Amino acid sequence: MNQAIQFPDREIWDEAAQAVCFPALMHGMQLTCAISGESLRSRFGENDPLESFRLHRWDLEEEASDAISDQQEDERGWFWLS
């Protein structure tokens, strides 16, 4: 994992986006990462999306780190995991 990117334990369920959103801190800037509830259910089963995220946090943070490094943000500046 890239040590310049940190992931505080502040994930939330965003009802409007139907996604778990979680912050990443890189060089003092806060970035927003997200993964849809549908993607979480597809990948990890029918658990609660927040619980699935928490159970697989390390792998998802690694994917988010890669997306940030590759500058794969959307038009809002969010980094979405598939």
PDB file of N, CA and C in Angstrom:
ATOM      1  N   MET A   1       0.841  -1.179   0.000  1.00  0.00           N
ATOM      2  CA  MET A   1       0.000   0.000   0.000  1.00  0.00           C
ATOM      3  C   MET A   1       0.882   1.237   0.000  1.00  0.00           C
ATOM      4  N   ASN A   2       0.469   2.244  -0.719  1.00  0.00           N
ATOM      5  CA  ASN A   2       1.175   3.500  -0.808  1.00  0.00           C
ATOM      6  C   ASN A   2       1.083   4.219   0.536  1.00  0.00           C
ATOM      7  N   GLN A   3       2.205   4.442   1.193  1.00  0.00           N
ATOM      8  CA  GLN A   3       2.202   5.059   2.511  1.00  0.00           C
ATOM      9  C   GLN A   3       1.789   6.526   2.470  1.00  0.00           C
ATOM     10  N   ALA A   4       1.807   7.159   1.306  1.00  0.00           N
ATOM     11  CA  ALA A   4       1.393   8.554   1.195  1.00  0.00           C
ATOM     12  C   ALA A   4      -0.130   8.683   1.235  1.00  0.00           C
ATOM     13  N   ILE A   5      -0.848   7.584   1.099  1.00  0.00           N
ATOM     14  CA  ILE A   5      -2.312   7.588   1.125  1.00  0.00           C
ATOM     15  C   ILE A   5      -2.760   6.896   2.401  1.00  0.00           C
ATOM     16  N   GLN A   6      -3.590   7.594   3.175  1.00  0.00           N
ATOM     17  CA  GLN A   6      -4.119   7.034   4.410  1.00  0.00           C
ATOM     18  C   GLN A   6      -5.632   6.951   4.313  1.00  0.00           C
ATOM     19  N   PHE A   7      -6.206   5.949   4.969  1.00  0.00           N
ATOM     20  CA  PHE A   7      -7.645   5.728   4.953  1.00  0.00           C
ATOM     21  C   PHE A   7      -8.184   5.719   6.389  1.00  0.00           C
ATOM     22  N   PRO A   8      -8.703   6.858   6.863  1.00  0.00           N
ATOM     23  CA  PRO A   8      -9.281   6.863   8.207  1.00  0.00           C
ATOM     24  C   PRO A   8     -10.544   6.003   8.247  1.00  0.00           C
ATOM     25  N   ASP A   9     -10.856   5.484   9.408  1.00  0.00           N
ATOM     26  CA  ASP A   9     -12.042   4.633   9.575  1.00  0.00           C
ATOM     27  C   ASP A   9     -13.291   5.511   9.713  1.00  0.00           C
ATOM     28  N   ARG A  10     -13.701   6.134   8.608  1.00  0.00           N
ATOM     29  CA  ARG A  10     -14.868   7.015   8.631  1.00  0.00           C
ATOM     30  C   ARG A  10     -15.799   6.736   7.450  1.00  0.00           C
ATOM     31  N   GLU A  11     -15.989   5.475   7.152  1.00  0.00           N
ATOM     32  CA  GLU A  11     -16.873   5.109   6.044  1.00  0.00           C
ATOM     33  C   GLU A  11     -18.335   5.343   6.440  1.00  0.00           C
ATOM     34  N   ILE A  12     -19.134   5.686   5.448  1.00  0.00           N
ATOM     35  CA  ILE A  12     -20.566   5.908   5.665  1.00  0.00           C
ATOM     36  C   ILE A  12     -21.344   5.275   4.517  1.00  0.00           C
ATOM     37  N   TRP A  13     -22.619   5.003   4.766  1.00  0.00           N
ATOM     38  CA  TRP A  13     -23.529   4.597   3.702  1.00  0.00           C
ATOM     39  C   TRP A  13     -24.176   5.869   3.175  1.00  0.00           C
ATOM     40  N   ASP A  14     -24.014   6.144   1.897  1.00  0.00           N
ATOM     41  CA  ASP A  14     -24.621   7.305   1.245  1.00  0.00           C
ATOM     42  C   ASP A  14     -25.870   6.822   0.530  1.00  0.00           C
ATOM     43  N   GLU A  15     -27.015   7.158   1.082  1.00  0.00           N
ATOM     44  CA  GLU A  15     -28.296   6.689   0.549  1.00  0.00           C
ATOM     45  C   GLU A  15     -28.530   7.187  -0.875  1.00  0.00           C
ATOM     46  N   ALA A  16     -28.208   8.437  -1.139  1.00  0.00           N
ATOM     47  CA  ALA A  16     -28.425   9.010  -2.474  1.00  0.00           C
ATOM     48  C   ALA A  16     -27.577   8.300  -3.529  1.00  0.00           C
ATOM     49  N   ALA A  17     -26.334   7.999  -3.187  1.00  0.00           N
ATOM     50  CA  ALA A  17     -25.433   7.335  -4.141  1.00  0.00           C
ATOM     51  C   ALA A  17     -25.582   5.826  -4.106  1.00  0.00           C
ATOM     52  N   GLN A  18     -26.288   5.304  -3.070  1.00  0.00           N
ATOM     53  CA  GLN A  18     -26.406   3.856  -2.858  1.00  0.00           C
ATOM     54  C   GLN A  18     -25.025   3.218  -2.844  1.00  0.00           C
ATOM     55  N   ALA A  19     -24.141   3.832  -2.035  1.00  0.00           N
ATOM     56  CA  ALA A  19     -22.750   3.397  -2.001  1.00  0.00           C
ATOM     57  C   ALA A  19     -22.152   3.623  -0.622  1.00  0.00           C
ATOM     58  N   VAL A  20     -21.135   2.845  -0.323  1.00  0.00           N
ATOM     59  CA  VAL A  20     -20.304   3.116   0.842  1.00  0.00           C
ATOM     60  C   VAL A  20     -19.250   4.113   0.378  1.00  0.00           C
ATOM     61  N   CYS A  21     -19.188   5.240   1.057  1.00  0.00           N
ATOM     62  CA  CYS A  21     -18.208   6.281   0.748  1.00  0.00           C
ATOM     63  C   CYS A  21     -17.197   6.322   1.884  1.00  0.00           C
ATOM     64  N   PHE A  22     -15.944   6.505   1.527  1.00  0.00           N
ATOM     65  CA  PHE A  22     -14.903   6.537   2.535  1.00  0.00           C
ATOM     66  C   PHE A  22     -13.804   7.498   2.108  1.00  0.00           C
ATOM     67  N   PRO A  23     -13.236   8.209   3.094  1.00  0.00           N
ATOM     68  CA  PRO A  23     -12.218   9.206   2.759  1.00  0.00           C
ATOM     69  C   PRO A  23     -10.842   8.585   2.595  1.00  0.00           C
ATOM     70  N   ALA A  24     -10.047   9.271   1.810  1.00  0.00           N
ATOM     71  CA  ALA A  24      -8.622   8.963   1.683  1.00  0.00           C
ATOM     72  C   ALA A  24      -7.884  10.286   1.866  1.00  0.00           C
ATOM     73  N   LEU A  25      -6.786  10.238   2.563  1.00  0.00           N
ATOM     74  CA  LEU A  25      -5.963  11.423   2.769  1.00  0.00           C
ATOM     75  C   LEU A  25      -4.658  11.230   2.018  1.00  0.00           C
ATOM     76  N   MET A  26      -4.363  12.182   1.141  1.00  0.00           N
ATOM     77  CA  MET A  26      -3.132  12.109   0.366  1.00  0.00           C
ATOM     78  C   MET A  26      -2.480  13.477   0.372  1.00  0.00           C
ATOM     79  N   HIS A  27      -1.296  13.565   0.949  1.00  0.00           N
ATOM     80  CA  HIS A  27      -0.539  14.819   1.022  1.00  0.00           C
ATOM     81  C   HIS A  27      -1.397  15.956   1.582  1.00  0.00           C
ATOM     82  N   GLY A  28      -2.182  15.666   2.619  1.00  0.00           N
ATOM     83  CA  GLY A  28      -2.992  16.676   3.280  1.00  0.00           C
ATOM     84  C   GLY A  28      -4.331  16.956   2.631  1.00  0.00           C
ATOM     85  N   MET A  29      -4.601  16.368   1.482  1.00  0.00           N
ATOM     86  CA  MET A  29      -5.886  16.574   0.800  1.00  0.00           C
ATOM     87  C   MET A  29      -6.806  15.409   1.102  1.00  0.00           C
ATOM     88  N   GLN A  30      -8.097  15.723   1.328  1.00  0.00           N
ATOM     89  CA  GLN A  30      -9.078  14.654   1.523  1.00  0.00           C
ATOM     90  C   GLN A  30      -9.750  14.343   0.194  1.00  0.00           C
ATOM     91  N   LEU A  31      -9.744  13.078  -0.152  1.00  0.00           N
ATOM     92  CA  LEU A  31     -10.379  12.585  -1.373  1.00  0.00           C
ATOM     93  C   LEU A  31     -11.541  11.692  -0.968  1.00  0.00           C
ATOM     94  N   THR A  32     -12.499  11.525  -1.869  1.00  0.00           N
ATOM     95  CA  THR A  32     -13.634  10.651  -1.600  1.00  0.00           C
ATOM     96  C   THR A  32     -13.553   9.425  -2.492  1.00  0.00           C
ATOM     97  N   CYS A  33     -13.642   8.264  -1.858  1.00  0.00           N
ATOM     98  CA  CYS A  33     -13.687   6.985  -2.565  1.00  0.00           C
ATOM     99  C   CYS A  33     -15.064   6.365  -2.303  1.00  0.00           C
ATOM    100  N   ALA A  34     -15.514   5.537  -3.221  1.00  0.00           N
ATOM    101  CA  ALA A  34     -16.832   4.928  -3.055  1.00  0.00           C
ATOM    102  C   ALA A  34     -16.896   3.589  -3.782  1.00  0.00           C
ATOM    103  N   ILE A  35     -17.777   2.747  -3.262  1.00  0.00           N
ATOM    104  CA  ILE A  35     -18.105   1.483  -3.922  1.00  0.00           C
ATOM    105  C   ILE A  35     -19.601   1.270  -3.725  1.00  0.00           C
ATOM    106  N   SER A  36     -20.281   0.917  -4.787  1.00  0.00           N
ATOM    107  CA  SER A  36     -21.734   0.778  -4.714  1.00  0.00           C
ATOM    108  C   SER A  36     -22.128  -0.438  -3.880  1.00  0.00           C
ATOM    109  N   GLY A  37     -23.291  -0.340  -3.272  1.00  0.00           N
ATOM    110  CA  GLY A  37     -23.825  -1.469  -2.527  1.00  0.00           C
ATOM    111  C   GLY A  37     -23.994  -2.673  -3.433  1.00  0.00           C
ATOM    112  N   GLU A  38     -24.393  -2.440  -4.670  1.00  0.00           N
ATOM    113  CA  GLU A  38     -24.557  -3.521  -5.638  1.00  0.00           C
ATOM    114  C   GLU A  38     -23.230  -4.237  -5.895  1.00  0.00           C
ATOM    115  N   SER A  39     -22.149  -3.477  -6.049  1.00  0.00           N
ATOM    116  CA  SER A  39     -20.834  -4.091  -6.256  1.00  0.00           C
ATOM    117  C   SER A  39     -20.406  -4.901  -5.043  1.00  0.00           C
ATOM    118  N   LEU A  40     -20.642  -4.361  -3.861  1.00  0.00           N
ATOM    119  CA  LEU A  40     -20.291  -5.093  -2.645  1.00  0.00           C
ATOM    120  C   LEU A  40     -21.070  -6.395  -2.546  1.00  0.00           C
ATOM    121  N   ARG A  41     -22.378  -6.350  -2.826  1.00  0.00           N
ATOM    122  CA  ARG A  41     -23.192  -7.571  -2.763  1.00  0.00           C
ATOM    123  C   ARG A  41     -22.742  -8.576  -3.818  1.00  0.00           C
ATOM    124  N   SER A  42     -22.426  -8.094  -4.997  1.00  0.00           N
ATOM    125  CA  SER A  42     -21.984  -8.973  -6.080  1.00  0.00           C
ATOM    126  C   SER A  42     -20.659  -9.656  -5.732  1.00  0.00           C
ATOM    127  N   ARG A  43     -19.767  -8.917  -5.125  1.00  0.00           N
ATOM    128  CA  ARG A  43     -18.436  -9.444  -4.820  1.00  0.00           C
ATOM    129  C   ARG A  43     -18.388 -10.294  -3.555  1.00  0.00           C
ATOM    130  N   PHE A  44     -19.167  -9.890  -2.528  1.00  0.00           N
ATOM    131  CA  PHE A  44     -18.995 -10.505  -1.216  1.00  0.00           C
ATOM    132  C   PHE A  44     -20.255 -11.134  -0.640  1.00  0.00           C
ATOM    133  N   GLY A  45     -21.342 -11.137  -1.381  1.00  0.00           N
ATOM    134  CA  GLY A  45     -22.574 -11.734  -0.871  1.00  0.00           C
ATOM    135  C   GLY A  45     -23.594 -10.696  -0.432  1.00  0.00           C
ATOM    136  N   GLU A  46     -24.646 -11.175   0.173  1.00  0.00           N
ATOM    137  CA  GLU A  46     -25.789 -10.331   0.498  1.00  0.00           C
ATOM    138  C   GLU A  46     -25.717  -9.660   1.861  1.00  0.00           C
ATOM    139  N   ASN A  47     -24.522  -9.511   2.407  1.00  0.00           N
ATOM    140  CA  ASN A  47     -24.375  -8.848   3.695  1.00  0.00           C
ATOM    141  C   ASN A  47     -24.732  -7.369   3.589  1.00  0.00           C
ATOM    142  N   ASP A  48     -24.877  -6.762   4.735  1.00  0.00           N
ATOM    143  CA  ASP A  48     -25.035  -5.318   4.808  1.00  0.00           C
ATOM    144  C   ASP A  48     -23.826  -4.663   4.132  1.00  0.00           C
ATOM    145  N   PRO A  49     -24.025  -3.669   3.247  1.00  0.00           N
ATOM    146  CA  PRO A  49     -22.897  -3.074   2.529  1.00  0.00           C
ATOM    147  C   PRO A  49     -21.795  -2.526   3.442  1.00  0.00           C
ATOM    148  N   LEU A  50     -22.175  -1.839   4.511  1.00  0.00           N
ATOM    149  CA  LEU A  50     -21.144  -1.321   5.420  1.00  0.00           C
ATOM    150  C   LEU A  50     -20.365  -2.450   6.085  1.00  0.00           C
ATOM    151  N   GLU A  51     -21.075  -3.507   6.474  1.00  0.00           N
ATOM    152  CA  GLU A  51     -20.404  -4.652   7.093  1.00  0.00           C
ATOM    153  C   GLU A  51     -19.467  -5.326   6.082  1.00  0.00           C
ATOM    154  N   SER A  52     -19.913  -5.477   4.841  1.00  0.00           N
ATOM    155  CA  SER A  52     -19.057  -6.059   3.800  1.00  0.00           C
ATOM    156  C   SER A  52     -17.808  -5.216   3.594  1.00  0.00           C
ATOM    157  N   PHE A  53     -18.003  -3.901   3.559  1.00  0.00           N
ATOM    158  CA  PHE A  53     -16.850  -3.016   3.404  1.00  0.00           C
ATOM    159  C   PHE A  53     -15.869  -3.229   4.548  1.00  0.00           C
ATOM    160  N   ARG A  54     -16.384  -3.255   5.763  1.00  0.00           N
ATOM    161  CA  ARG A  54     -15.507  -3.390   6.932  1.00  0.00           C
ATOM    162  C   ARG A  54     -14.775  -4.733   6.941  1.00  0.00           C
ATOM    163  N   LEU A  55     -15.444  -5.780   6.505  1.00  0.00           N
ATOM    164  CA  LEU A  55     -14.819  -7.102   6.466  1.00  0.00           C
ATOM    165  C   LEU A  55     -13.708  -7.195   5.421  1.00  0.00           C
ATOM    166  N   HIS A  56     -13.827  -6.398   4.359  1.00  0.00           N
ATOM    167  CA  HIS A  56     -12.877  -6.467   3.241  1.00  0.00           C
ATOM    168  C   HIS A  56     -12.118  -5.159   3.051  1.00  0.00           C
ATOM    169  N   ARG A  57     -12.049  -4.391   4.134  1.00  0.00           N
ATOM    170  CA  ARG A  57     -11.449  -3.058   4.098  1.00  0.00           C
ATOM    171  C   ARG A  57     -10.058  -3.042   3.460  1.00  0.00           C
ATOM    172  N   TRP A  58      -9.165  -3.943   3.850  1.00  0.00           N
ATOM    173  CA  TRP A  58      -7.775  -3.887   3.370  1.00  0.00           C
ATOM    174  C   TRP A  58      -7.696  -4.043   1.852  1.00  0.00           C
ATOM    175  N   ASP A  59      -8.448  -4.987   1.306  1.00  0.00           N
ATOM    176  CA  ASP A  59      -8.433  -5.181  -0.147  1.00  0.00           C
ATOM    177  C   ASP A  59      -9.034  -3.981  -0.867  1.00  0.00           C
ATOM    178  N   LEU A  60     -10.132  -3.450  -0.335  1.00  0.00           N
ATOM    179  CA  LEU A  60     -10.790  -2.307  -0.975  1.00  0.00           C
ATOM    180  C   LEU A  60      -9.932  -1.050  -0.894  1.00  0.00           C
ATOM    181  N   GLU A  61      -9.245  -0.856   0.220  1.00  0.00           N
ATOM    182  CA  GLU A  61      -8.348   0.291   0.328  1.00  0.00           C
ATOM    183  C   GLU A  61      -7.186   0.174  -0.647  1.00  0.00           C
ATOM    184  N   GLU A  62      -6.723  -1.034  -0.866  1.00  0.00           N
ATOM    185  CA  GLU A  62      -5.651  -1.243  -1.848  1.00  0.00           C
ATOM    186  C   GLU A  62      -6.138  -0.880  -3.255  1.00  0.00           C
ATOM    187  N   GLU A  63      -7.359  -1.296  -3.595  1.00  0.00           N
ATOM    188  CA  GLU A  63      -7.940  -0.923  -4.894  1.00  0.00           C
ATOM    189  C   GLU A  63      -8.107   0.587  -5.005  1.00  0.00           C
ATOM    190  N   ALA A  64      -8.561   1.216  -3.932  1.00  0.00           N
ATOM    191  CA  ALA A  64      -8.734   2.672  -3.938  1.00  0.00           C
ATOM    192  C   ALA A  64      -7.384   3.361  -4.114  1.00  0.00           C
ATOM    193  N   SER A  65      -6.370   2.856  -3.451  1.00  0.00           N
ATOM    194  CA  SER A  65      -5.030   3.417  -3.590  1.00  0.00           C
ATOM    195  C   SER A  65      -4.569   3.355  -5.048  1.00  0.00           C
ATOM    196  N   ASP A  66      -4.825   2.232  -5.703  1.00  0.00           N
ATOM    197  CA  ASP A  66      -4.468   2.092  -7.122  1.00  0.00           C
ATOM    198  C   ASP A  66      -5.247   3.081  -7.984  1.00  0.00           C
ATOM    199  N   ALA A  67      -6.546   3.231  -7.712  1.00  0.00           N
ATOM    200  CA  ALA A  67      -7.379   4.160  -8.494  1.00  0.00           C
ATOM    201  C   ALA A  67      -6.894   5.600  -8.315  1.00  0.00           C
ATOM    202  N   ILE A  68      -6.515   5.949  -7.094  1.00  0.00           N
ATOM    203  CA  ILE A  68      -6.002   7.299  -6.837  1.00  0.00           C
ATOM    204  C   ILE A  68      -4.678   7.501  -7.560  1.00  0.00           C
ATOM    205  N   SER A  69      -3.793   6.537  -7.464  1.00  0.00           N
ATOM    206  CA  SER A  69      -2.491   6.632  -8.136  1.00  0.00           C
ATOM    207  C   SER A  69      -2.641   6.751  -9.643  1.00  0.00           C
ATOM    208  N   ASP A  70      -3.667   6.070 -10.187  1.00  0.00           N
ATOM    209  CA  ASP A  70      -3.925   6.106 -11.635  1.00  0.00           C
ATOM    210  C   ASP A  70      -4.795   7.286 -12.047  1.00  0.00           C
ATOM    211  N   GLN A  71      -5.180   8.132 -11.082  1.00  0.00           N
ATOM    212  CA  GLN A  71      -5.998   9.329 -11.319  1.00  0.00           C
ATOM    213  C   GLN A  71      -7.314   8.992 -12.021  1.00  0.00           C
ATOM    214  N   GLN A  72      -8.031   7.994 -11.494  1.00  0.00           N
ATOM    215  CA  GLN A  72      -9.269   7.519 -12.105  1.00  0.00           C
ATOM    216  C   GLN A  72     -10.510   8.147 -11.460  1.00  0.00           C
ATOM    217  N   GLU A  73     -10.476   9.445 -11.194  1.00  0.00           N
ATOM    218  CA  GLU A  73     -11.626  10.088 -10.574  1.00  0.00           C
ATOM    219  C   GLU A  73     -12.713  10.398 -11.602  1.00  0.00           C
ATOM    220  N   ASP A  74     -13.961  10.481 -11.111  1.00  0.00           N
ATOM    221  CA  ASP A  74     -15.072  10.828 -11.989  1.00  0.00           C
ATOM    222  C   ASP A  74     -15.198  12.354 -12.079  1.00  0.00           C
ATOM    223  N   GLU A  75     -16.264  12.828 -12.692  1.00  0.00           N
ATOM    224  CA  GLU A  75     -16.447  14.262 -12.897  1.00  0.00           C
ATOM    225  C   GLU A  75     -16.589  15.042 -11.585  1.00  0.00           C
ATOM    226  N   ARG A  76     -16.985  14.371 -10.510  1.00  0.00           N
ATOM    227  CA  ARG A  76     -17.083  15.028  -9.198  1.00  0.00           C
ATOM    228  C   ARG A  76     -15.784  14.938  -8.406  1.00  0.00           C
ATOM    229  N   GLY A  77     -14.816  14.209  -8.939  1.00  0.00           N
ATOM    230  CA  GLY A  77     -13.562  14.013  -8.238  1.00  0.00           C
ATOM    231  C   GLY A  77     -13.564  12.814  -7.311  1.00  0.00           C
ATOM    232  N   TRP A  78     -14.580  11.961  -7.413  1.00  0.00           N
ATOM    233  CA  TRP A  78     -14.673  10.744  -6.603  1.00  0.00           C
ATOM    234  C   TRP A  78     -13.950   9.601  -7.294  1.00  0.00           C
ATOM    235  N   PHE A  79     -13.427   8.693  -6.495  1.00  0.00           N
ATOM    236  CA  PHE A  79     -12.774   7.491  -6.994  1.00  0.00           C
ATOM    237  C   PHE A  79     -13.677   6.311  -6.703  1.00  0.00           C
ATOM    238  N   TRP A  80     -14.260   5.744  -7.760  1.00  0.00           N
ATOM    239  CA  TRP A  80     -15.222   4.638  -7.628  1.00  0.00           C
ATOM    240  C   TRP A  80     -14.518   3.315  -7.860  1.00  0.00           C
ATOM    241  N   LEU A  81     -14.826   2.351  -6.985  1.00  0.00           N
ATOM    242  CA  LEU A  81     -14.358   0.978  -7.171  1.00  0.00           C
ATOM    243  C   LEU A  81     -15.464   0.200  -7.839  1.00  0.00           C
ATOM    244  N   SER A  82     -15.088  -0.726  -8.690  1.00  0.00           N
ATOM    245  CA  SER A  82     -16.133  -1.520  -9.363  1.00  0.00           C
ATOM    246  C   SER A  82     -16.314  -2.854  -8.699  1.00  0.00           C
TER     247      SER A  82
END
